[in-house]
Amino acid sequence: MKKQLLFILFVGFLAVAFVGKTPRVIENNSFMAGEKYTYKVKYGFLTIGQANVDVHTKIYKVSNRPCYRVNVVGKTAGLASLWKVSNTYRSFIDTSAFIPHKFVYSAREGNFKRDQSFIFDHNKHVVKKIDKDSVSQFKVPEYVQDVISGYYFLRTIDFSKMEEGTSVSAPLFFDKVNYLMNVRYAGKDIVKTKFGKMKVLRLNPVLPNNKLFEGEDAIRLYVSDDINRVPIRLEIDFAYIAGSIAMELIDYKNVKEEFAWQ
């Protein structure tokens, strides 16, 4: 009997050691595979760029886990098209744990090109960065996010039930640095769009001291006050230019729940 018990414990230990603990499960009611959003980027009255965000209709398998494949493509537009910039960020996000298993970054800026991929091993808490023939590895915290998965993780959170001033935090890895993503709920508002007015929740990413952004509330994100929790407008104050850069929704398809425009 003792030998059988020891054998069971030994097998159980091996299962934990080689498989890892069961990932968390987060309920998602805010989006589904196939959704698409298009944003216009403006500086004052000038259009300077466009951003396309889409969740592929197919569910991918990465690290033996089902994943959403999310693409974010930003490119210059209008007069800024003279600079010919197009950057792609791609994340494979666990459909239930809402953590990334792979992140791909591709930059095309004039004659400059860069292609990088990041493989997340959440059992060992490491990220492998692959840049051409160079491979490096970094330690990361539990349930770490990339810049895309972090946003989709935030969409699963119902900020409308929180008190104004409440913050939500999550670890985030970008390039080769670990950050603490901290987002503060700043209350409710109404935003005007080409489709009509929309009730929104105001969110402020809390930034560490830096010379790039102007002030503590330099980034203001307005997400729809509904089940979708989609960014309707984004405003950024940079320290080195006058005025704000704004990103506003101009097109969308396959939302989880139809928007209630006013």
Protein backbone atom coordinates (compact mmCIF):
# COMPACT_ATOMS: atom_id res chain seq x y z
CA MET A 1 0.00 0.00 0.00
CA LYS A 2 2.83 2.39 0.90
CA LYS A 3 4.61 1.56 -2.36
CA GLN A 4 1.43 2.26 -4.35
CA LEU A 5 0.97 5.59 -2.56
CA LEU A 6 4.60 6.56 -3.23
CA PHE A 7 4.19 5.63 -6.89
CA ILE A 8 1.04 7.78 -7.21
CA LEU A 9 2.78 10.73 -5.55
CA PHE A 10 5.80 10.28 -7.82
CA VAL A 11 3.62 10.24 -10.96
CA GLY A 12 1.77 13.29 -9.71
CA PHE A 13 5.06 15.12 -9.13
CA LEU A 14 6.19 14.30 -12.68
CA ALA A 15 2.89 15.56 -14.09
CA VAL A 16 3.31 18.90 -12.36
CA ALA A 17 6.98 19.14 -13.26
CA PHE A 18 6.55 18.43 -16.96
CA VAL A 19 3.10 19.84 -17.67
CA GLY A 20 2.96 22.76 -15.25
CA LYS A 21 0.02 23.97 -13.27
CA THR A 22 -3.38 24.42 -14.88
CA PRO A 23 -3.58 27.90 -16.49
CA ARG A 24 -6.13 30.37 -15.18
CA VAL A 25 -9.49 30.71 -16.93
CA ILE A 26 -10.84 34.21 -17.67
CA GLU A 27 -14.36 34.71 -18.95
CA ASN A 28 -14.52 36.62 -22.23
CA ASN A 29 -17.76 38.33 -23.28
CA SER A 30 -16.21 41.30 -25.09
CA PHE A 31 -15.05 39.97 -28.46
CA MET A 32 -14.97 36.99 -30.80
CA ALA A 33 -12.87 35.66 -33.65
CA GLY A 34 -13.43 37.65 -36.83
CA GLU A 35 -13.82 41.15 -35.37
CA LYS A 36 -12.12 44.03 -37.23
CA TYR A 37 -11.54 47.68 -36.39
CA THR A 38 -10.04 50.52 -38.42
CA TYR A 39 -8.74 53.74 -36.85
CA LYS A 40 -7.62 57.05 -38.31
CA VAL A 41 -4.64 58.75 -36.69
CA LYS A 42 -4.71 62.54 -36.69
CA TYR A 43 -2.56 65.43 -35.58
CA GLY A 44 -4.93 68.37 -35.34
CA PHE A 45 -6.87 68.36 -38.62
CA LEU A 46 -4.19 66.39 -40.48
CA THR A 47 -4.51 62.65 -41.07
CA ILE A 48 -1.09 61.10 -40.52
CA GLY A 49 -1.79 57.40 -40.18
CA GLN A 50 -4.14 54.45 -40.06
CA ALA A 51 -4.33 51.44 -37.75
CA ASN A 52 -6.07 48.15 -38.49
CA VAL A 53 -6.87 45.70 -35.70
CA ASP A 54 -8.31 42.26 -36.41
CA VAL A 55 -8.84 38.91 -34.73
CA HIS A 56 -8.48 36.12 -37.28
CA THR A 57 -11.52 33.93 -37.88
CA LYS A 58 -9.36 30.84 -37.28
CA ILE A 59 -8.33 29.60 -33.83
CA TYR A 60 -4.62 28.70 -33.91
CA LYS A 61 -2.75 26.18 -31.79
CA VAL A 62 0.47 27.47 -30.23
CA SER A 63 2.37 25.65 -27.46
CA ASN A 64 -0.45 23.11 -27.62
CA ARG A 65 -2.97 25.75 -26.54
CA PRO A 66 -5.88 27.28 -28.57
CA CYS A 67 -5.11 30.90 -29.41
CA TYR A 68 -6.66 33.95 -31.01
CA ARG A 69 -4.37 35.46 -33.65
CA VAL A 70 -4.53 39.24 -33.35
CA ASN A 71 -2.93 41.56 -35.90
CA VAL A 72 -2.33 45.26 -35.36
CA VAL A 73 -1.01 47.07 -38.43
CA GLY A 74 -0.04 50.73 -38.26
CA LYS A 75 0.97 52.69 -41.34
CA THR A 76 1.41 56.28 -42.43
CA ALA A 77 -1.40 57.99 -44.33
CA GLY A 78 -2.15 61.41 -45.83
CA LEU A 79 0.87 63.71 -46.10
CA ALA A 80 2.81 61.40 -43.77
CA SER A 81 2.71 58.71 -46.49
CA LEU A 82 5.87 60.29 -47.87
CA TRP A 83 7.76 58.49 -45.06
CA LYS A 84 6.33 55.04 -45.98
CA VAL A 85 6.10 53.45 -42.55
CA SER A 86 4.25 50.17 -41.94
CA ASN A 87 4.61 48.23 -38.67
CA THR A 88 2.88 44.97 -37.78
CA TYR A 89 2.37 43.55 -34.30
CA ARG A 90 0.97 40.00 -34.07
CA SER A 91 0.05 38.16 -30.91
CA PHE A 92 -1.19 34.60 -30.38
CA ILE A 93 -3.34 34.90 -27.26
CA ASP A 94 -4.56 31.98 -25.17
CA THR A 95 -8.35 31.83 -25.58
CA SER A 96 -9.00 31.12 -21.91
CA ALA A 97 -5.95 32.28 -19.92
CA PHE A 98 -5.50 35.50 -21.95
CA ILE A 99 -1.74 35.31 -22.00
CA PRO A 100 0.49 35.38 -25.10
CA HIS A 101 2.26 32.29 -26.40
CA LYS A 102 3.94 34.02 -29.34
CA PHE A 103 4.47 37.65 -30.33
CA VAL A 104 5.77 38.83 -33.72
CA TYR A 105 7.03 42.32 -34.58
CA SER A 106 7.69 43.44 -38.16
CA ALA A 107 8.85 46.97 -39.02
CA ARG A 108 9.10 48.55 -42.46
CA GLU A 109 10.26 52.17 -42.27
CA GLY A 110 11.70 53.37 -45.57
CA ASN A 111 14.74 51.18 -46.22
CA PHE A 112 14.82 49.96 -42.63
CA LYS A 113 13.53 46.44 -41.91
CA ARG A 114 13.25 44.49 -38.68
CA ASP A 115 11.60 41.16 -37.92
CA GLN A 116 11.50 39.75 -34.40
CA SER A 117 9.58 36.98 -32.71
CA PHE A 118 9.08 36.22 -29.02
CA ILE A 119 8.18 32.77 -27.67
CA PHE A 120 6.58 32.73 -24.20
CA ASP A 121 7.12 29.71 -21.96
CA HIS A 122 4.71 30.29 -19.08
CA ASN A 123 5.73 27.11 -17.28
CA LYS A 124 9.37 28.19 -17.04
CA HIS A 125 8.54 31.93 -16.87
CA VAL A 126 10.88 32.83 -19.71
CA VAL A 127 10.61 34.58 -23.09
CA LYS A 128 12.86 33.64 -25.99
CA LYS A 129 13.59 36.55 -28.34
CA ILE A 130 14.58 35.67 -31.92
CA ASP A 131 16.08 38.47 -34.04
CA LYS A 132 17.61 37.22 -37.30
CA ASP A 133 20.29 34.75 -36.15
CA SER A 134 20.40 36.14 -32.62
CA VAL A 135 18.54 34.33 -29.83
CA SER A 136 18.28 35.65 -26.27
CA GLN A 137 16.23 34.65 -23.25
CA PHE A 138 14.64 36.67 -20.47
CA LYS A 139 12.97 35.86 -17.15
CA VAL A 140 9.39 37.09 -16.84
CA PRO A 141 6.70 37.11 -14.12
CA GLU A 142 3.70 34.80 -13.99
CA TYR A 143 0.89 35.61 -16.45
CA VAL A 144 3.05 38.19 -18.24
CA GLN A 145 1.50 40.02 -21.20
CA ASP A 146 2.78 41.48 -24.46
CA VAL A 147 1.54 44.87 -25.70
CA ILE A 148 -1.33 43.33 -27.70
CA SER A 149 -2.48 40.60 -25.31
CA GLY A 150 -2.39 43.15 -22.48
CA TYR A 151 -5.03 45.22 -24.27
CA TYR A 152 -7.25 42.17 -24.87
CA PHE A 153 -6.84 41.14 -21.24
CA LEU A 154 -8.10 44.62 -20.25
CA ARG A 155 -11.16 44.12 -22.45
CA THR A 156 -12.26 41.24 -20.22
CA ILE A 157 -12.42 43.60 -17.22
CA ASP A 158 -15.66 45.47 -16.45
CA PHE A 159 -14.34 48.87 -15.33
CA SER A 160 -17.89 50.25 -15.15
CA LYS A 161 -18.42 48.39 -11.87
CA MET A 162 -15.34 49.96 -10.28
CA GLU A 163 -15.01 53.16 -8.31
CA GLU A 164 -13.44 56.11 -10.12
CA GLY A 165 -9.70 56.16 -9.47
CA THR A 166 -9.38 52.36 -9.20
CA SER A 167 -6.39 50.85 -11.01
CA VAL A 168 -5.81 47.46 -12.63
CA SER A 169 -2.28 46.11 -12.98
CA ALA A 170 -0.61 43.30 -14.94
CA PRO A 171 3.00 42.42 -15.79
CA LEU A 172 4.06 43.23 -19.35
CA PHE A 173 7.14 42.31 -21.40
CA PHE A 174 8.25 44.39 -24.38
CA ASP A 175 11.45 44.01 -26.41
CA LYS A 176 13.69 42.94 -23.50
CA VAL A 177 12.24 44.76 -20.49
CA ASN A 178 9.62 43.81 -17.88
CA TYR A 179 7.09 46.53 -17.03
CA LEU A 180 4.07 46.80 -14.76
CA MET A 181 1.06 47.74 -16.86
CA ASN A 182 -1.10 49.95 -14.65
CA VAL A 183 -4.41 51.36 -15.93
CA ARG A 184 -6.61 53.72 -13.92
CA TYR A 185 -10.38 54.04 -14.36
CA ALA A 186 -11.15 57.77 -14.67
CA GLY A 187 -14.96 57.74 -14.94
CA LYS A 188 -17.58 57.94 -17.68
CA ASP A 189 -17.94 60.30 -20.62
CA ILE A 190 -19.52 60.71 -24.08
CA VAL A 191 -17.47 60.78 -27.30
CA LYS A 192 -18.59 62.08 -30.71
CA THR A 193 -17.78 59.89 -33.73
CA LYS A 194 -18.72 59.64 -37.41
CA PHE A 195 -21.35 57.07 -36.36
CA GLY A 196 -22.90 59.22 -33.63
CA LYS A 197 -22.30 59.69 -29.93
CA MET A 198 -21.09 56.85 -27.73
CA LYS A 199 -21.11 56.38 -23.96
CA VAL A 200 -17.56 55.54 -22.94
CA LEU A 201 -15.34 54.68 -19.99
CA ARG A 202 -12.21 56.82 -19.57
CA LEU A 203 -9.00 54.90 -18.87
CA ASN A 204 -5.55 56.34 -18.15
CA PRO A 205 -2.45 54.15 -18.46
CA VAL A 206 -0.27 55.24 -15.52
CA LEU A 207 3.22 55.94 -16.85
CA PRO A 208 6.57 55.99 -15.06
CA ASN A 209 8.54 59.23 -15.16
CA ASN A 210 9.80 59.77 -18.70
CA LYS A 211 10.71 62.47 -21.22
CA LEU A 212 8.47 61.18 -24.01
CA PHE A 213 4.96 61.90 -22.71
CA GLU A 214 3.56 65.12 -21.23
CA GLY A 215 2.08 64.67 -17.75
CA GLU A 216 0.62 61.82 -15.73
CA ASP A 217 -2.53 61.61 -17.87
CA ALA A 218 -0.68 61.88 -21.18
CA ILE A 219 -2.55 58.87 -22.59
CA ARG A 220 -6.35 58.95 -22.50
CA LEU A 221 -8.25 55.93 -23.73
CA TYR A 222 -12.02 56.03 -24.28
CA VAL A 223 -13.61 52.57 -24.53
CA SER A 224 -17.25 51.81 -25.27
CA ASP A 225 -19.37 51.50 -22.12
CA ASP A 226 -20.90 48.20 -23.23
CA ILE A 227 -20.00 44.54 -23.40
CA ASN A 228 -17.55 45.14 -26.30
CA ARG A 229 -15.29 47.56 -24.38
CA VAL A 230 -13.71 48.67 -27.65
CA PRO A 231 -11.45 51.75 -27.91
CA ILE A 232 -13.49 54.47 -29.60
CA ARG A 233 -10.85 57.17 -29.26
CA LEU A 234 -7.28 57.49 -28.01
CA GLU A 235 -5.47 60.76 -27.23
CA ILE A 236 -1.73 61.12 -26.54
CA ASP A 237 0.18 64.20 -25.38
CA PHE A 238 3.86 64.06 -26.37
CA ALA A 239 6.40 66.23 -24.60
CA TYR A 240 8.18 67.26 -27.80
CA ILE A 241 5.20 68.44 -29.91
CA ALA A 242 2.38 70.90 -29.33
CA GLY A 243 -1.14 69.48 -29.19
CA SER A 244 -2.27 65.86 -29.15
CA ILE A 245 -2.13 62.87 -31.45
CA ALA A 246 -5.61 61.32 -31.68
CA MET A 247 -6.78 57.95 -32.95
CA GLU A 248 -10.49 57.54 -33.69
CA LEU A 249 -12.66 54.65 -34.88
CA ILE A 250 -13.75 54.93 -38.54
CA ASP A 251 -14.87 51.39 -39.42
CA TYR A 252 -15.71 48.07 -37.75
CA LYS A 253 -17.03 44.58 -38.51
CA ASN A 254 -18.20 41.52 -36.56
CA VAL A 255 -18.56 43.07 -33.11
CA LYS A 256 -19.75 40.81 -30.29
CA GLU A 257 -22.71 43.12 -29.61
CA GLU A 258 -24.00 45.90 -31.86
CA PHE A 259 -23.01 49.39 -30.74
CA ALA A 260 -25.73 51.65 -29.32
CA TRP A 261 -24.90 54.88 -31.15
CA GLN A 262 -26.90 57.93 -30.06
